[in-house]
Protein backbone atom coordinates (compact mmCIF):
# COMPACT_ATOMS: atom_id res chain seq x y z
CA UNK A 1 -12.67 -3.97 -45.23
CA UNK A 2 -14.43 -0.77 -47.08
CA UNK A 3 -14.44 -0.65 -50.75
CA UNK A 4 -13.42 2.99 -51.42
CA UNK A 5 -13.56 2.15 -55.68
CA UNK A 6 -17.36 0.68 -54.78
CA UNK A 7 -17.58 3.96 -52.88
CA UNK A 8 -16.00 5.79 -55.33
CA UNK A 9 -18.84 4.27 -57.95
CA UNK A 10 -21.61 4.98 -55.57
CA UNK A 11 -21.09 8.87 -55.50
CA UNK A 12 -20.46 9.58 -59.22
CA UNK A 13 -23.42 6.77 -59.32
CA UNK A 14 -25.74 9.09 -57.75
CA UNK A 15 -24.55 11.83 -59.49
CA UNK A 16 -25.47 11.10 -62.66
CA UNK A 17 -28.43 9.68 -61.65
CA UNK A 18 -29.42 12.74 -59.74
CA UNK A 19 -28.88 14.94 -62.44
CA UNK A 20 -30.15 12.91 -65.43
CA UNK A 21 -33.81 11.93 -63.04
CA UNK A 22 -34.95 16.34 -63.99
CA UNK A 23 -36.62 14.90 -66.32
CA UNK A 24 -38.93 11.58 -64.63
CA UNK A 25 -41.38 12.64 -62.81
CA UNK A 26 -40.87 10.15 -59.93
CA UNK A 27 -37.97 8.12 -58.83
CA UNK A 28 -37.74 8.52 -54.84
CA UNK A 29 -33.94 9.60 -55.69
CA UNK A 30 -33.27 11.69 -52.83
CA UNK A 31 -33.93 9.32 -49.82
CA UNK A 32 -31.45 6.78 -51.22
CA UNK A 33 -28.58 9.10 -51.65
CA UNK A 34 -28.96 10.22 -47.69
CA UNK A 35 -29.21 6.98 -46.67
CA UNK A 36 -26.47 6.70 -48.81
CA UNK A 37 -24.77 9.05 -46.50
CA UNK A 38 -26.25 7.90 -43.73
CA UNK A 39 -24.29 4.94 -43.89
CA UNK A 40 -21.32 5.73 -44.74
CA UNK A 41 -21.27 8.07 -41.74
CA UNK A 42 -22.35 5.38 -39.44
CA UNK A 43 -19.13 3.45 -40.66
CA UNK A 44 -16.36 6.27 -40.59
CA UNK A 45 -15.87 7.33 -43.94
CA UNK A 46 -16.83 10.29 -43.78
CA UNK A 47 -16.44 13.01 -40.62
CA UNK A 48 -19.08 14.86 -39.45
CA UNK A 49 -17.96 17.46 -41.14
CA UNK A 50 -18.10 16.45 -44.00
CA UNK A 51 -21.02 14.82 -44.07
CA UNK A 52 -23.20 18.30 -43.52
CA UNK A 53 -21.00 19.27 -45.96
CA UNK A 54 -22.37 17.25 -48.52
CA UNK A 55 -25.28 16.65 -47.85
CA UNK A 56 -25.95 20.57 -47.56
CA UNK A 57 -25.21 20.62 -51.45
CA UNK A 58 -27.27 17.08 -51.53
CA UNK A 59 -30.48 19.06 -50.61
CA UNK A 60 -29.54 22.06 -52.79
CA UNK A 61 -29.51 20.27 -55.57
CA UNK A 62 -32.70 18.89 -54.79
CA UNK A 63 -33.98 22.17 -54.24
CA UNK A 64 -32.23 22.71 -57.59
CA UNK A 65 -33.89 19.59 -59.86
CA UNK A 66 -37.65 19.66 -57.93
CA UNK A 67 -37.29 23.18 -59.80
CA UNK A 68 -35.78 21.99 -63.28
CA UNK A 69 -38.26 18.92 -62.99
CA UNK A 70 -41.27 21.05 -62.62
CA UNK A 71 -40.45 23.24 -65.37
CA UNK A 72 -39.22 20.76 -67.83
CA UNK A 73 -42.73 19.00 -66.79
CA UNK A 74 -45.15 22.08 -67.97
CA UNK A 75 -42.58 21.69 -70.87
CA UNK A 76 -43.36 18.12 -72.00
CA UNK A 77 -47.13 19.28 -71.28
CA UNK A 78 -47.28 21.65 -74.20
CA UNK A 79 -45.39 19.20 -75.57
CA UNK A 80 -47.55 16.72 -75.85
CA UNK A 81 -50.07 18.97 -76.53
CA UNK A 82 -48.55 19.98 -79.30
CA UNK A 83 -47.23 16.85 -80.57
CA UNK A 84 -50.43 15.47 -81.08
CA UNK A 85 -50.83 18.73 -83.80
CA UNK A 86 -48.16 17.66 -85.27
CA UNK A 87 -48.93 13.58 -85.66
CA UNK A 88 -47.60 10.41 -84.13
CA UNK A 89 -43.96 11.22 -83.11
CA UNK A 90 -44.07 14.28 -82.31
CA UNK A 91 -41.48 17.19 -83.29
CA UNK A 92 -37.51 16.48 -82.55
CA UNK A 93 -37.38 18.35 -78.81
CA UNK A 94 -39.95 15.83 -77.94
CA UNK A 95 -37.25 12.64 -79.21
CA UNK A 96 -34.80 13.88 -77.65
CA UNK A 97 -37.08 14.33 -74.47
CA UNK A 98 -38.54 11.13 -73.77
CA UNK A 99 -34.23 9.81 -74.96
CA UNK A 100 -33.44 11.36 -72.40
CA UNK A 101 -36.47 9.68 -69.55
CA UNK A 102 -34.59 6.75 -71.50
CA UNK A 103 -31.20 7.95 -70.60
CA UNK A 104 -32.11 8.80 -66.38
CA UNK A 105 -34.24 6.45 -65.34
CA UNK A 106 -31.19 3.20 -66.85
CA UNK A 107 -28.88 5.90 -64.36
CA UNK A 108 -31.38 5.82 -61.65
CA UNK A 109 -31.47 2.14 -61.99
CA UNK A 110 -27.91 1.79 -62.11
CA UNK A 111 -27.40 3.68 -58.99
CA UNK A 112 -30.19 2.24 -56.86
CA UNK A 113 -28.21 -0.79 -57.51
CA UNK A 114 -24.92 0.10 -56.84
CA UNK A 115 -25.90 1.44 -53.32
CA UNK A 116 -27.59 -2.14 -53.00
CA UNK A 117 -24.19 -3.08 -53.14
CA UNK A 118 -23.14 -0.99 -50.47
CA UNK A 119 -26.11 -2.21 -48.32
CA UNK A 120 -25.37 -5.22 -49.02
CA UNK A 121 -21.33 -4.61 -48.51
CA UNK A 122 -21.94 -2.78 -45.23
CA UNK A 123 -24.60 -5.40 -43.74
CA UNK A 124 -24.39 -5.91 -39.74
CA UNK A 125 -24.22 -10.56 -40.10
CA UNK A 126 -21.11 -8.79 -42.43
CA UNK A 127 -18.28 -10.89 -41.06
CA UNK A 128 -16.15 -7.83 -42.37
CA UNK A 129 -17.60 -4.84 -40.96
CA UNK A 130 -17.90 -2.66 -37.40
CA UNK A 131 -21.54 -2.62 -35.61
CA UNK A 132 -21.75 -1.02 -32.42
CA UNK A 133 -24.22 -1.73 -29.99
CA UNK A 134 -26.87 -0.22 -28.45
CA UNK A 135 -25.25 2.29 -25.72
CA UNK A 136 -26.39 1.08 -22.17
CA UNK A 137 -25.61 3.36 -19.58
CA UNK A 138 -23.56 0.89 -16.98
CA UNK A 139 -22.88 -1.28 -19.48
CA UNK A 140 -19.80 0.19 -21.45
CA UNK A 141 -19.32 0.39 -24.58
CA UNK A 142 -20.12 -2.17 -27.09
CA UNK A 143 -18.79 -3.11 -30.24
CA UNK A 144 -18.57 -6.46 -32.86
CA UNK A 145 -15.71 -7.21 -35.20
CA UNK A 146 -17.24 -9.76 -37.37
CA UNK A 147 -17.58 -13.12 -34.78
CA UNK A 148 -15.93 -11.49 -31.95
CA UNK A 149 -17.38 -9.20 -29.41
CA UNK A 150 -15.57 -6.18 -28.04
CA UNK A 151 -17.12 -4.59 -24.41
CA UNK A 152 -14.65 -1.41 -23.07
CA UNK A 153 -16.09 0.18 -19.21
CA UNK A 154 -14.78 1.45 -16.65
CA UNK A 155 -14.35 4.23 -14.04
CA UNK A 156 -12.48 7.49 -11.83
CA UNK A 157 -12.72 8.58 -8.79
CA UNK A 158 -11.62 11.40 -6.47
CA UNK A 159 -12.58 12.50 -3.33
CA UNK A 160 -11.15 15.06 -0.79
CA UNK A 161 -11.01 13.40 3.21
CA UNK A 162 -10.90 15.04 6.06
CA UNK A 163 -9.75 12.62 8.78
CA UNK A 164 -10.28 13.80 12.87
CA UNK A 165 -9.22 11.29 14.91
CA UNK A 166 -9.08 10.82 18.44
CA UNK A 167 -5.97 10.40 19.49
CA UNK A 168 -4.14 7.71 21.42
CA UNK A 169 -1.70 4.41 22.07
CA UNK A 170 -0.45 2.35 18.98
CA UNK A 171 -3.58 -0.99 18.61
CA UNK A 172 -1.37 -3.23 15.95
CA UNK A 173 -4.11 -4.16 13.42
CA UNK A 174 -5.87 -1.05 13.78
CA UNK A 175 -7.54 0.25 10.62
CA UNK A 176 -8.98 3.20 12.80
CA UNK A 177 -6.72 5.99 12.22
CA UNK A 178 -6.94 7.20 16.37
CA UNK A 179 -3.53 6.15 16.91
CA UNK A 180 -2.84 9.47 14.96
CA UNK A 181 -2.54 12.48 16.37
CA UNK A 182 -3.33 15.04 13.66
CA UNK A 183 -6.21 16.31 11.05
CA UNK A 184 -4.98 14.84 7.85
CA UNK A 185 -6.68 15.78 4.56
CA UNK A 186 -6.21 14.99 1.10
CA UNK A 187 -7.72 14.28 -2.31
CA UNK A 188 -8.25 10.68 -3.18
CA UNK A 189 -9.50 8.20 -4.66
CA UNK A 190 -11.59 6.13 -2.81
CA UNK A 191 -13.44 1.74 -2.70
CA UNK A 192 -12.09 1.95 -5.81
CA UNK A 193 -9.43 3.26 -8.19
CA UNK A 194 -9.98 4.73 -11.01
CA UNK A 195 -10.33 1.55 -13.62
CA UNK A 196 -10.11 0.26 -17.40
CA UNK A 197 -11.69 -3.13 -19.18
CA UNK A 198 -11.25 -3.97 -21.88
CA UNK A 199 -13.80 -7.81 -22.55
CA UNK A 200 -13.77 -9.61 -25.57
CA UNK A 201 -16.03 -12.36 -26.31
CA UNK A 202 -17.19 -15.16 -28.72
CA UNK A 203 -18.49 -18.54 -29.89
CA UNK A 204 -16.71 -21.13 -31.15
CA UNK A 205 -17.93 -25.12 -31.68
CA UNK A 206 -20.11 -24.22 -29.21
CA UNK A 207 -17.95 -22.78 -26.43
CA UNK A 208 -18.72 -19.81 -25.34
CA UNK A 209 -14.92 -17.85 -24.95
CA UNK A 210 -14.32 -14.57 -23.23
CA UNK A 211 -10.83 -12.91 -22.26
CA UNK A 212 -10.79 -10.22 -19.42
CA UNK A 213 -8.33 -7.41 -18.39
CA UNK A 214 -8.37 -5.23 -15.49
CA UNK A 215 -6.60 -2.65 -15.43
CA UNK A 216 -6.90 -0.86 -12.18
CA UNK A 217 -4.71 3.14 -11.72
CA UNK A 218 -4.38 4.75 -8.63
CA UNK A 219 -4.21 8.49 -8.43
CA UNK A 220 -1.85 9.33 -5.27
CA UNK A 221 1.70 8.55 -5.28
CA UNK A 222 2.94 5.19 -4.56
CA UNK A 223 5.56 3.58 -2.58
CA UNK A 224 7.10 -0.10 -2.68
CA UNK A 225 5.93 -2.28 -0.34
CA UNK A 226 4.57 -5.53 1.18
CA UNK A 227 1.02 -5.08 0.05
CA UNK A 228 2.79 -3.00 -3.76
CA UNK A 229 0.00 -0.98 -5.07
CA UNK A 230 -2.38 -1.29 -1.93
CA UNK A 231 1.22 -0.50 0.48
CA UNK A 232 0.64 3.00 2.22
CA UNK A 233 1.35 5.91 -0.21
CA UNK A 234 4.20 8.15 -0.81
CA UNK A 235 3.25 11.99 0.41
CA UNK A 236 7.02 13.29 -1.90
CA UNK A 237 7.02 15.01 -4.77
CA UNK A 238 8.56 13.77 -8.01
CA UNK A 239 6.23 10.51 -7.02
CA UNK A 240 4.27 8.60 -9.98
CA UNK A 241 1.12 6.85 -9.19
CA UNK A 242 0.18 2.72 -8.54
CA UNK A 243 -1.32 0.49 -11.34
CA UNK A 244 -2.91 -2.67 -9.94
CA UNK A 245 -3.80 -4.91 -12.97
CA UNK A 246 -6.28 -6.79 -11.38
CA UNK A 247 -8.17 -9.07 -13.22
CA UNK A 248 -6.31 -11.32 -16.41
CA UNK A 249 -8.28 -14.17 -17.02
CA UNK A 250 -9.84 -16.32 -19.18
CA UNK A 251 -13.39 -18.36 -19.28
CA UNK A 252 -15.13 -21.14 -21.31
CA UNK A 253 -17.94 -22.99 -20.67
CA UNK A 254 -22.25 -22.56 -21.62
CA UNK A 255 -25.12 -22.06 -19.43
CA UNK A 256 -25.96 -25.74 -20.60
CA UNK A 257 -23.22 -27.16 -18.65
CA UNK A 258 -21.53 -24.21 -16.62
CA UNK A 259 -18.19 -22.62 -17.05
CA UNK A 260 -14.69 -22.40 -16.05
CA UNK A 261 -12.77 -20.10 -15.20
CA UNK A 262 -9.05 -20.05 -15.87
CA UNK A 263 -6.81 -16.86 -14.52
CA UNK A 264 -6.63 -13.68 -11.75
CA UNK A 265 -10.30 -13.37 -10.23
CA UNK A 266 -11.91 -12.16 -7.10
CA UNK A 267 -11.72 -14.86 -4.89
CA UNK A 268 -15.36 -16.63 -4.44
CA UNK A 269 -15.22 -16.25 -0.47
CA UNK A 270 -16.97 -12.59 0.70
CA UNK A 271 -16.70 -11.69 -3.02
CA UNK A 272 -20.58 -11.39 -2.79
CA UNK A 273 -20.27 -9.47 0.64
CA UNK A 274 -17.77 -6.91 -0.68
CA UNK A 275 -19.44 -6.70 -4.09
CA UNK A 276 -23.07 -6.29 -1.81
CA UNK A 277 -20.46 -3.48 0.05
CA UNK A 278 -22.22 0.31 -1.22
CA UNK A 279 -19.03 1.63 0.06
CA UNK A 280 -17.52 -0.04 -2.92
CA UNK A 281 -18.58 3.02 -5.05
CA UNK A 282 -17.05 5.57 -1.59
CA UNK A 283 -14.55 5.56 1.08
CA UNK A 284 -15.71 3.87 4.46
CA UNK A 285 -12.69 3.62 6.36
CA UNK A 286 -10.13 5.87 4.80
CA UNK A 287 -7.04 3.88 5.74
CA UNK A 288 -3.61 5.79 5.54
CA UNK A 289 -5.35 9.72 5.22
CA UNK A 290 -2.02 11.51 4.98
CA UNK A 291 -0.76 9.39 2.26
CA UNK A 292 -3.10 7.29 0.57
CA UNK A 293 -2.17 3.88 -0.90
CA UNK A 294 -4.54 3.12 -4.01
CA UNK A 295 -7.73 2.64 -2.52
CA UNK A 296 -9.34 3.57 1.09
CA UNK A 297 -10.21 0.16 2.49
CA UNK A 298 -14.58 0.37 2.43
CA UNK A 299 -16.15 -2.23 4.31
CA UNK A 300 -12.95 -4.75 4.01
CA UNK A 301 -11.73 -5.27 8.57
CA UNK A 302 -15.21 -3.95 9.73
CA UNK A 303 -17.31 -6.37 8.46
CA UNK A 304 -15.79 -9.28 6.35
CA UNK A 305 -12.17 -10.36 5.27
CA UNK A 306 -10.90 -8.85 2.14
CA UNK A 307 -12.43 -11.49 -1.04
CA UNK A 308 -9.16 -10.11 -2.57
CA UNK A 309 -7.88 -11.15 -6.46
CA UNK A 310 -5.82 -14.49 -6.92
CA UNK A 311 -5.20 -16.75 -9.46
CA UNK A 312 -7.47 -19.20 -9.94
CA UNK A 313 -8.97 -22.34 -11.80
CA UNK A 314 -12.73 -22.10 -10.96
CA UNK A 315 -15.86 -24.14 -12.29
CA UNK A 316 -19.68 -22.41 -11.49
CA UNK A 317 -22.38 -24.40 -12.77
CA UNK A 318 -25.50 -23.86 -14.61
CA UNK A 319 -28.45 -22.00 -12.86
CA UNK A 320 -30.90 -24.11 -12.35
CA UNK A 321 -33.94 -22.66 -10.57
CA UNK A 322 -31.83 -19.85 -9.20
CA UNK A 323 -29.30 -22.13 -7.97
CA UNK A 324 -25.60 -21.44 -8.75
CA UNK A 325 -22.54 -23.78 -7.28
CA UNK A 326 -19.14 -21.62 -7.62
CA UNK A 327 -15.70 -24.23 -6.41
CA UNK A 328 -12.13 -23.49 -7.07
CA UNK A 329 -8.72 -24.17 -6.15
CA UNK A 330 -6.56 -20.64 -5.90
CA UNK A 331 -3.01 -19.83 -5.69
CA UNK A 332 -2.08 -20.90 -1.79
CA UNK A 333 -0.89 -17.18 0.14
CA UNK A 334 1.29 -17.23 3.17
CA UNK A 335 0.28 -16.35 7.47
CA UNK A 336 1.47 -12.83 7.28
CA UNK A 337 1.56 -11.03 10.74
CA UNK A 338 0.28 -7.67 10.07
CA UNK A 339 -0.06 -6.60 13.70
CA UNK A 340 3.38 -6.73 13.39
CA UNK A 341 5.16 -6.19 17.12
CA UNK A 342 6.44 -10.26 16.63
CA UNK A 343 2.97 -11.38 17.69
CA UNK A 344 1.56 -13.16 14.43
CA UNK A 345 3.17 -16.53 13.11
CA UNK A 346 4.22 -16.63 9.63
CA UNK A 347 4.56 -19.47 6.79
CA UNK A 348 6.05 -19.29 2.92
CA UNK A 349 5.63 -23.04 2.48
CA UNK A 350 2.28 -24.30 0.48
CA UNK A 351 1.99 -28.50 -1.24
CA UNK A 352 -1.43 -27.92 -2.06
CA UNK A 353 -3.37 -24.97 -3.56
CA UNK A 354 -6.39 -22.94 -1.38
CA UNK A 355 -9.60 -24.50 -1.93
CA UNK A 356 -13.23 -21.76 -2.16
CA UNK A 357 -16.93 -22.78 -2.30
CA UNK A 358 -20.11 -21.17 -2.42
CA UNK A 359 -24.12 -21.20 -3.17
CA UNK A 360 -25.93 -19.10 -5.07
CA UNK A 361 -30.39 -18.27 -4.43
CA UNK A 362 -31.48 -15.72 -6.33
CA UNK A 363 -35.16 -14.85 -6.02
CA UNK A 364 -38.34 -13.09 -7.41
CA UNK A 365 -41.53 -12.85 -6.44
CA UNK A 366 -43.76 -10.49 -7.48
CA UNK A 367 -41.91 -6.61 -6.97
CA UNK A 368 -39.27 -8.59 -4.31
CA UNK A 369 -35.98 -9.48 -5.81
CA UNK A 370 -33.09 -10.35 -3.39
CA UNK A 371 -29.85 -13.39 -3.75
CA UNK A 372 -28.82 -15.46 -0.31
CA UNK A 373 -25.43 -17.11 -0.31
CA UNK A 374 -23.20 -19.78 1.78
CA UNK A 375 -19.34 -20.13 1.04
CA UNK A 376 -17.02 -21.98 2.97
CA UNK A 377 -13.41 -21.74 2.15
CA UNK A 378 -9.83 -23.85 3.38
CA UNK A 379 -6.36 -24.14 3.11
CA UNK A 380 -3.18 -26.10 4.86
CA UNK A 381 -0.77 -23.96 6.57
CA UNK A 382 3.09 -25.56 6.76
CA UNK A 383 6.12 -24.71 8.33
CA UNK A 384 4.71 -22.08 10.65
CA UNK A 385 7.74 -19.45 11.90
CA UNK A 386 6.84 -18.07 15.29
CA UNK A 387 8.80 -16.51 18.23
CA UNK A 388 7.63 -18.94 20.59
CA UNK A 389 7.91 -22.20 18.14
CA UNK A 390 10.97 -23.67 18.07
CA UNK A 391 12.77 -23.60 15.11
CA UNK A 392 13.91 -27.62 15.57
CA UNK A 393 10.45 -27.59 15.30
CA UNK A 394 7.24 -27.97 12.62
CA UNK A 395 4.00 -26.53 13.39
CA UNK A 396 0.83 -26.85 10.70
CA UNK A 397 -1.82 -25.79 10.61
CA UNK A 398 -5.63 -26.61 8.53
CA UNK A 399 -7.51 -22.20 8.34
CA UNK A 400 -11.03 -22.59 7.34
CA UNK A 401 -13.76 -19.63 7.04
CA UNK A 402 -17.26 -19.59 6.94
CA UNK A 403 -19.75 -17.42 5.69
CA UNK A 404 -23.51 -16.88 5.24
CA UNK A 405 -25.66 -13.43 3.22
CA UNK A 406 -28.85 -12.40 1.89
CA UNK A 407 -29.94 -9.70 0.37
CA UNK A 408 -33.51 -8.14 -0.39
CA UNK A 409 -34.50 -5.38 -2.93
CA UNK A 410 -38.35 -3.52 -2.55
CA UNK A 411 -39.01 -0.74 -4.13
CA UNK A 412 -36.56 1.54 -3.54
CA UNK A 413 -34.77 0.31 -0.50
CA UNK A 414 -32.05 -2.85 -0.34
CA UNK A 415 -31.00 -4.72 2.81
CA UNK A 416 -28.18 -6.43 3.19
CA UNK A 417 -26.71 -8.72 6.61
CA UNK A 418 -23.49 -10.74 6.66
CA UNK A 419 -21.33 -13.11 8.58
CA UNK A 420 -18.23 -14.79 8.71
CA UNK A 421 -16.86 -17.25 10.96
CA UNK A 422 -12.97 -18.71 10.70
CA UNK A 423 -9.89 -20.11 11.99
CA UNK A 424 -6.47 -19.43 11.57
CA UNK A 425 -8.06 -17.20 9.12
CA UNK A 426 -7.42 -13.75 10.81
CA UNK A 427 -8.46 -10.46 10.29
CA UNK A 428 -8.62 -7.87 7.32
CA UNK A 429 -6.34 -9.70 4.45
CA UNK A 430 -6.75 -13.60 4.07
CA UNK A 431 -4.18 -15.36 6.95
CA UNK A 432 -3.62 -11.46 8.21
CA UNK A 433 -2.51 -12.25 12.00
CA UNK A 434 -4.51 -15.55 11.65
CA UNK A 435 -1.99 -17.39 13.71
CA UNK A 436 -0.37 -16.88 17.20
CA UNK A 437 3.18 -16.73 17.24
CA UNK A 438 3.08 -20.14 19.00
CA UNK A 439 1.50 -21.71 16.31
CA UNK A 440 -1.94 -21.51 17.40
CA UNK A 441 -5.10 -20.80 14.82
CA UNK A 442 -6.60 -17.23 15.94
CA UNK A 443 -11.22 -17.31 15.65
CA UNK A 444 -12.66 -14.67 14.20
CA UNK A 445 -15.85 -13.74 12.62
CA UNK A 446 -16.99 -10.72 11.65
CA UNK A 447 -20.17 -8.53 10.35
CA UNK A 448 -21.99 -6.19 8.92
CA UNK A 449 -25.37 -4.86 7.77
CA UNK A 450 -27.04 -2.38 5.51
CA UNK A 451 -29.92 -0.76 4.59
CA UNK A 452 -29.56 1.78 1.65
CA UNK A 453 -33.86 3.62 -0.10
CA UNK A 454 -34.15 5.73 -3.25
CA UNK A 455 -36.59 8.13 -1.56
CA UNK A 456 -36.27 9.66 -5.89
CA UNK A 457 -35.07 8.09 -8.53
CA UNK A 458 -31.11 9.70 -8.62
CA UNK A 459 -31.17 10.75 -5.28
CA UNK A 460 -29.81 7.14 -2.52
CA UNK A 461 -29.62 7.76 1.22
CA UNK A 462 -26.86 4.35 2.51
CA UNK A 463 -26.64 3.55 6.00
CA UNK A 464 -24.28 0.68 7.54
CA UNK A 465 -22.64 -0.89 10.45
CA UNK A 466 -19.57 -3.64 10.62
CA UNK A 467 -17.99 -5.49 13.37
CA UNK A 468 -14.93 -7.75 13.39
CA UNK A 469 -13.33 -9.81 15.94
CA UNK A 470 -10.04 -11.29 16.53
CA UNK A 471 -10.15 -13.57 19.24
CA UNK A 472 -6.68 -15.18 21.83
CA UNK A 473 -5.76 -17.83 20.73
CA UNK A 474 -4.81 -20.53 23.24
CA UNK A 475 -1.51 -18.88 24.84
CA UNK A 476 -1.49 -16.50 23.05
CA UNK A 477 -1.53 -12.64 26.01
CA UNK A 478 -0.66 -9.41 23.81
CA UNK A 479 -2.93 -6.85 24.83
CA UNK A 480 -1.90 -4.31 22.10
CA UNK A 481 -3.30 -6.56 19.73
CA UNK A 482 -6.33 -5.68 18.13
CA UNK A 483 -9.47 -7.34 19.43
CA UNK A 484 -12.31 -5.48 17.34
CA UNK A 485 -12.90 -3.06 13.72
CA UNK A 486 -16.08 -1.66 13.22
CA UNK A 487 -17.50 1.30 12.00
CA UNK A 488 -20.68 3.21 11.05
CA UNK A 489 -21.24 4.85 7.73
CA UNK A 490 -23.72 7.04 6.04
CA UNK A 491 -23.56 7.81 2.46
CA UNK A 492 -25.50 10.31 -0.71
CA UNK A 493 -25.35 9.26 -3.84
CA UNK A 494 -26.68 11.99 -6.68
CA UNK A 495 -26.58 10.93 -9.46
CA UNK A 496 -26.25 13.89 -11.85
CA UNK A 497 -26.63 11.69 -15.13
CA UNK A 498 -26.24 8.24 -16.29
CA UNK A 499 -22.40 8.54 -15.89
CA UNK A 500 -21.68 11.68 -13.24
CA UNK A 501 -22.46 9.99 -9.40
CA UNK A 502 -21.60 12.76 -6.87
CA UNK A 503 -21.06 10.91 -3.37
CA UNK A 504 -21.38 12.53 -0.10
CA UNK A 505 -19.94 10.17 3.19
CA UNK A 506 -20.10 10.36 6.65
CA UNK A 507 -17.88 7.85 9.08
CA UNK A 508 -16.33 6.95 11.95
CA UNK A 509 -14.44 4.51 12.66
CA UNK A 510 -13.49 2.34 15.92
CA UNK A 511 -10.56 -0.19 17.15
CA UNK A 512 -9.83 -1.96 20.91
CA UNK A 513 -6.85 -3.70 21.55
CA UNK A 514 -7.14 -6.99 24.33
CA UNK A 515 -5.95 -4.68 27.05
CA UNK A 516 -7.69 -1.30 27.99
CA UNK A 517 -6.58 0.47 24.97
CA UNK A 518 -9.04 2.23 22.86
CA UNK A 519 -9.37 4.97 19.51
CA UNK A 520 -11.45 7.09 17.44
CA UNK A 521 -11.90 8.30 14.82
CA UNK A 522 -13.72 10.91 12.78
CA UNK A 523 -14.11 11.25 8.75
CA UNK A 524 -15.62 13.78 5.49
CA UNK A 525 -15.59 12.22 2.65
CA UNK A 526 -17.55 14.44 -0.21
CA UNK A 527 -16.14 13.47 -4.36
CA UNK A 528 -17.82 12.47 -7.58
CA UNK A 529 -17.09 9.66 -9.31
CA UNK A 530 -18.09 9.14 -13.64
CA UNK A 531 -18.62 5.63 -14.79
CA UNK A 532 -18.75 4.82 -18.44
């Protein structure tokens, strides 16, 4: 805590010291007094207005005292000459001047000591001092309070999106809005909602500890639904936006032994696919553009299955020559009939957790950098329920999925390629339509490729194409069930400042059923993202 009495003592001593220094030839007080004002301003003891007023007074005082000092110096030179004429001790006024100079020197020494005390008190290593770290664009605002580091970061985005559908039959599980007969306009969030993230870090007994809280509110009205804040929105007046508090977790570990994570965070399987997706900061697949939810879909369901934010206990190994392994167990999720129309089985019983794992390899060779990864997940689904499963029959299935991907960076270019395959895992979301209503597992697969280029430092051009396929299970014959969702997306990202980026994007998507049905839509979006 700041000692106000000590600050006041510094102030008084500084005032006396500066005044008394008029008779001293050189003491360096101006810089010390300026340092003190800078310290008080940095620590929040002075407002910007107070700092400017005090600094102006200080500069004026220094100028006045400089003139006075020069005058006294002239008088001393004259007195010295007279003193030599009047004896060793000189006249009385010279003795008084020397006495005043001695007092001023003592006062200056006391002020110097008080200033040194203040600097010790404000030392950046002190446990009682709050210090702000140098700001690094994109890494939030960091400050140190004794042994604890706090980081606050976040982002806000908004887009105008116009979607024009082709019209056609309703396909169960389709992501294209082509089945709609009407164009739609909205002001909405993109693939990300807004975000406010607080991170706290410290080290105790050689263990690096962290706590993270991530709150992600949307801008559009929320509607109560199965997917919570990610359900379709509401276009009725007097609504309120949804808040997705998706990150609440702690970590403990170090670089030597690895790190454990406990809480809710992004899943392991599919995480690199979504974090490498350029539409993460734009719109991508619009979803229900007439009544937007908290977010659009990006490339979810048109290139990868959503990794999701899952309660978990996971472990990341130390990095060895660029290689790291991550494993974890997550709260199991139900099989879900996302398509509707009684085409998929459901489940609600889980005696074991979901398991996920991946291995990553980060490399750098000259100007080329990149990452490759491979992952796996598995979950046992129990007590499956479906219209073609007898009520007396107990059915279960082991749902599994594998993935592989990579990205590379070179001289302004970046390329990403990703592929996944699943059995019983479904499409779009984890376990969406993964098992048919007769209890048989459906296979699924998908991929996306993405290329980006920076022709100049602040301009990024991105193009990508992706597909997600869902195949029929044995005895599965619904012609309206989704077979293929795909999308081509192109975007321009113009970085105006370290915080502000302007984005324009075009998206064409198509959905095809297992029968002869096919729909498409086209969407154009323009907006801005602010990151801090």
